[in-house]
Amino acid sequence: MSRETANQIGPFDSESIEQVRPYVDFGALRIEPIADLGMSVEVEDNTNRVIAVTLEYANSKLQLMAFAAPRTEGLWSDIRLAVAQNVAAQGGEVEEGYGSLGAELKAKLPLVDDTGRAAGFRLARFIGFDGPRWCLRGTVSGAALNDPKASAEIDDVFRSVVVHRGDAPLPPGEALPLSVPAGSVLPPGMKTQS
C-alpha cells in the first residue's frame, strides 16, 4: 500500500482523522471497539513495558506493533526482511507474497517443548503498512490463515487501526510507545505511568 492511499482505506494516521470516532487508547495505537473484538496487551517480563496489542476476532488473532519510520521512506520492506531472516535463523520457513494489504510474509515458525526439543510448527502471516513517519506491523494467526472470510475480516480490523506517531523524535525502527488504556485492570505487579 502506498502512503497516498493511507487516508482513504487505513490504517489511519491520527492527524488525518477528521471525524471523532470512539476508540480504545493504547498510546501509539487507537483501536475502534467493535462487537466481539477482544483486546489485550503483551508485556515485556523484565520491564513491564507494553510491547504489543493483540486483537482477537472471529477465531483469529492479530498482534500489532508500530514503529517510527523516516519522513521520506517506508520501513515495511526492511521489517519484512528482518522478520524473514529471524524466522530462517530459528529454523523456520518464509514465503513472500502479495495480499489485500500489499507485500506480506507467510511463515512456518518452529515450536519447541519444555525440554528444548522441536515440537512442530505454527503458522503465521506478517502484514504491514507504511504511514507518515510510522510503520504498522501485524502478525496474523488462527482462522484467518486458511479461511478467506476470516482473512478478509482480520484485514478489515487491521485497516481500522489508528496510529498516533506523536512528536517525540525517535530513530527509525524504534517501537512507538504503547500503554494500557485508562480504567483497565492490570496484571499483578504492573503499574501504569501517569
Protein backbone atom coordinates (compact mmCIF):
# COMPACT_ATOMS: atom_id res chain seq x y z
CA MET A 1 0.00 0.00 0.00
CA SER A 2 1.26 3.46 -0.74
CA ARG A 3 1.17 6.40 1.60
CA GLU A 4 -1.27 8.19 -0.71
CA THR A 5 -3.99 5.62 -0.01
CA ALA A 6 -3.44 5.68 3.76
CA ASN A 7 -6.07 8.37 4.30
CA GLN A 8 -8.73 6.52 2.32
CA ILE A 9 -8.69 2.90 3.48
CA GLY A 10 -6.47 2.74 6.55
CA PRO A 11 -4.67 2.07 8.70
CA PHE A 12 -5.02 5.73 9.59
CA ASP A 13 -2.75 8.42 10.95
CA SER A 14 -4.23 10.15 13.99
CA GLU A 15 -3.50 13.57 12.48
CA SER A 16 -5.51 12.78 9.32
CA ILE A 17 -8.67 11.62 11.07
CA GLU A 18 -11.27 14.38 10.83
CA GLN A 19 -14.30 12.76 12.38
CA VAL A 20 -14.17 11.73 16.01
CA ARG A 21 -14.77 8.03 16.49
CA PRO A 22 -14.83 6.11 19.75
CA TYR A 23 -11.62 4.17 20.25
CA VAL A 24 -9.61 2.39 22.93
CA ASP A 25 -6.37 4.31 23.52
CA PHE A 26 -3.24 2.14 23.73
CA GLY A 27 -0.90 5.14 23.31
CA ALA A 28 0.54 4.82 19.80
CA LEU A 29 -2.37 2.60 18.71
CA ARG A 30 -6.06 3.50 18.82
CA ILE A 31 -8.47 0.62 18.30
CA GLU A 32 -12.12 1.05 17.37
CA PRO A 33 -14.25 -1.11 19.69
CA ILE A 34 -16.44 -3.41 17.62
CA ALA A 35 -18.71 -6.24 18.72
CA ASP A 36 -16.88 -9.46 19.63
CA LEU A 37 -13.40 -7.88 19.37
CA GLY A 38 -11.15 -8.98 22.22
CA MET A 39 -8.21 -6.76 23.14
CA SER A 40 -5.15 -7.47 25.27
CA VAL A 41 -1.60 -6.21 25.69
CA GLU A 42 1.65 -8.12 25.67
CA VAL A 43 4.08 -7.01 28.33
CA GLU A 44 7.86 -7.48 28.45
CA ASP A 45 8.62 -9.58 31.54
CA ASN A 46 11.68 -7.76 32.88
CA THR A 47 10.48 -4.18 32.27
CA ASN A 48 6.65 -4.38 32.42
CA ARG A 49 6.72 -2.33 29.20
CA VAL A 50 3.78 -2.87 26.82
CA ILE A 51 5.31 -4.19 23.57
CA ALA A 52 2.26 -5.20 21.51
CA VAL A 53 -1.52 -5.08 21.34
CA THR A 54 -3.29 -8.31 20.43
CA LEU A 55 -6.79 -8.32 18.96
CA GLU A 56 -8.93 -11.45 18.82
CA TYR A 57 -11.76 -11.59 16.32
CA ALA A 58 -13.69 -14.44 14.67
CA ASN A 59 -11.25 -17.17 15.79
CA SER A 60 -8.26 -15.17 14.56
CA LYS A 61 -5.57 -13.18 16.34
CA LEU A 62 -3.86 -10.01 15.16
CA GLN A 63 -0.81 -8.85 17.09
CA LEU A 64 0.01 -5.19 16.40
CA MET A 65 3.26 -3.26 16.78
CA ALA A 66 4.03 0.23 15.48
CA PHE A 67 7.48 1.62 14.67
CA ALA A 68 8.96 5.03 13.98
CA ALA A 69 9.90 5.49 10.32
CA PRO A 70 11.83 8.12 8.37
CA ARG A 71 9.91 11.04 6.87
CA THR A 72 10.96 10.20 3.34
CA GLU A 73 10.61 6.44 3.04
CA GLY A 74 8.73 3.48 4.45
CA LEU A 75 10.04 0.80 6.77
CA TRP A 76 7.85 -2.21 5.89
CA SER A 77 10.30 -3.69 3.35
CA ASP A 78 13.11 -3.55 5.97
CA ILE A 79 10.87 -5.08 8.64
CA ARG A 80 9.83 -7.90 6.26
CA LEU A 81 13.49 -8.67 5.56
CA ALA A 82 14.32 -8.71 9.30
CA VAL A 83 11.34 -10.98 10.07
CA ALA A 84 12.31 -13.37 7.25
CA GLN A 85 15.91 -13.53 8.49
CA ASN A 86 14.78 -14.09 12.09
CA VAL A 87 12.39 -16.91 11.12
CA ALA A 88 15.07 -18.58 8.98
CA ALA A 89 17.63 -18.28 11.82
CA GLN A 90 15.19 -20.16 14.09
CA GLY A 91 14.85 -22.97 11.53
CA GLY A 92 11.51 -21.82 10.15
CA GLU A 93 10.35 -21.20 6.61
CA VAL A 94 9.13 -17.98 4.98
CA GLU A 95 7.32 -17.29 1.73
CA GLU A 96 6.90 -13.74 0.46
CA GLY A 97 3.65 -12.95 -1.29
CA TYR A 98 1.14 -10.25 -2.03
CA GLY A 99 -2.24 -9.95 -0.31
CA SER A 100 -5.03 -7.43 0.02
CA LEU A 101 -2.77 -5.20 2.14
CA GLY A 102 0.24 -5.42 -0.17
CA ALA A 103 3.50 -7.32 0.34
CA GLU A 104 3.33 -9.87 3.14
CA LEU A 105 5.07 -12.93 4.54
CA LYS A 106 3.66 -16.35 5.29
CA ALA A 107 5.78 -18.23 7.82
CA LYS A 108 6.15 -21.64 9.43
CA LEU A 109 7.55 -20.89 12.87
CA PRO A 110 9.26 -23.72 14.75
CA LEU A 111 7.92 -24.69 18.16
CA VAL A 112 9.95 -26.22 20.98
CA ASP A 113 8.75 -28.13 24.02
CA ASP A 114 9.80 -27.56 27.63
CA THR A 115 12.96 -29.59 27.11
CA GLY A 116 14.04 -27.52 24.10
CA ARG A 117 13.23 -30.19 21.50
CA ALA A 118 11.44 -29.48 18.24
CA ALA A 119 7.67 -29.77 18.65
CA GLY A 120 6.32 -28.94 15.21
CA PHE A 121 5.41 -25.62 13.65
CA ARG A 122 2.85 -22.88 13.96
CA LEU A 123 1.76 -20.80 11.00
CA ALA A 124 1.68 -17.01 10.89
CA ARG A 125 1.15 -14.25 8.35
CA PHE A 126 3.00 -10.95 8.66
CA ILE A 127 1.30 -7.87 7.21
CA GLY A 128 2.38 -4.25 7.28
CA PHE A 129 1.62 -0.71 6.27
CA ASP A 130 3.83 2.36 5.84
CA GLY A 131 2.18 5.52 7.14
CA PRO A 132 3.60 9.03 7.55
CA ARG A 133 6.66 8.61 9.83
CA TRP A 134 5.41 5.24 11.11
CA CYS A 135 5.02 1.61 10.11
CA LEU A 136 2.34 -0.72 11.47
CA ARG A 137 3.12 -4.44 11.58
CA GLY A 138 0.56 -7.15 12.16
CA THR A 139 1.08 -10.83 12.89
CA VAL A 140 -1.96 -12.92 11.99
CA SER A 141 -2.76 -16.38 13.34
CA GLY A 142 -5.80 -18.61 13.67
CA ALA A 143 -8.70 -18.98 11.26
CA ALA A 144 -7.58 -16.02 9.10
CA LEU A 145 -4.69 -18.13 7.78
CA ASN A 146 -6.94 -20.60 5.95
CA ASP A 147 -10.44 -19.13 5.79
CA PRO A 148 -10.85 -16.37 3.14
CA LYS A 149 -13.80 -14.78 5.01
CA ALA A 150 -11.87 -14.69 8.31
CA SER A 151 -8.81 -13.35 6.47
CA ALA A 152 -10.86 -10.50 4.95
CA GLU A 153 -12.34 -9.71 8.39
CA ILE A 154 -8.93 -9.54 10.09
CA ASP A 155 -7.60 -7.38 7.22
CA ASP A 156 -10.52 -5.01 7.84
CA VAL A 157 -9.66 -4.88 11.55
CA PHE A 158 -6.04 -4.04 10.60
CA ARG A 159 -7.27 -1.29 8.25
CA SER A 160 -9.36 0.28 11.04
CA VAL A 161 -6.36 0.89 13.32
CA VAL A 162 -5.34 4.48 14.01
CA VAL A 163 -1.65 5.12 14.66
CA HIS A 164 -0.64 8.09 16.82
CA ARG A 165 3.01 8.84 15.98
CA GLY A 166 3.40 11.80 18.32
CA ASP A 167 6.06 14.49 18.03
CA ALA A 168 8.88 12.85 20.01
CA PRO A 169 11.98 12.30 17.88
CA LEU A 170 12.60 8.56 17.57
CA PRO A 171 15.15 6.70 15.47
CA PRO A 172 13.71 4.69 12.54
CA GLY A 173 12.75 1.20 13.62
CA GLU A 174 12.17 2.07 17.28
CA ALA A 175 8.85 0.84 18.65
CA LEU A 176 6.29 3.57 19.25
CA PRO A 177 5.28 3.69 22.93
CA LEU A 178 2.26 1.64 23.90
CA SER A 179 0.29 1.80 27.14
CA VAL A 180 -2.55 0.11 28.98
CA PRO A 181 -5.83 2.00 28.42
CA ALA A 182 -7.08 4.07 31.36
CA GLY A 183 -9.50 2.17 33.56
CA SER A 184 -8.15 -1.25 32.55
CA VAL A 185 -7.48 -3.96 35.11
CA LEU A 186 -3.73 -4.57 35.20
CA PRO A 187 -1.95 -7.84 35.83
CA PRO A 188 -0.50 -8.16 39.35
CA GLY A 189 2.71 -6.15 39.79
CA MET A 190 2.19 -3.94 36.74
CA LYS A 191 1.65 -0.19 37.11
CA THR A 192 0.59 2.47 34.64
CA GLN A 193 2.62 5.60 34.21
CA SER A 194 0.82 8.83 34.96
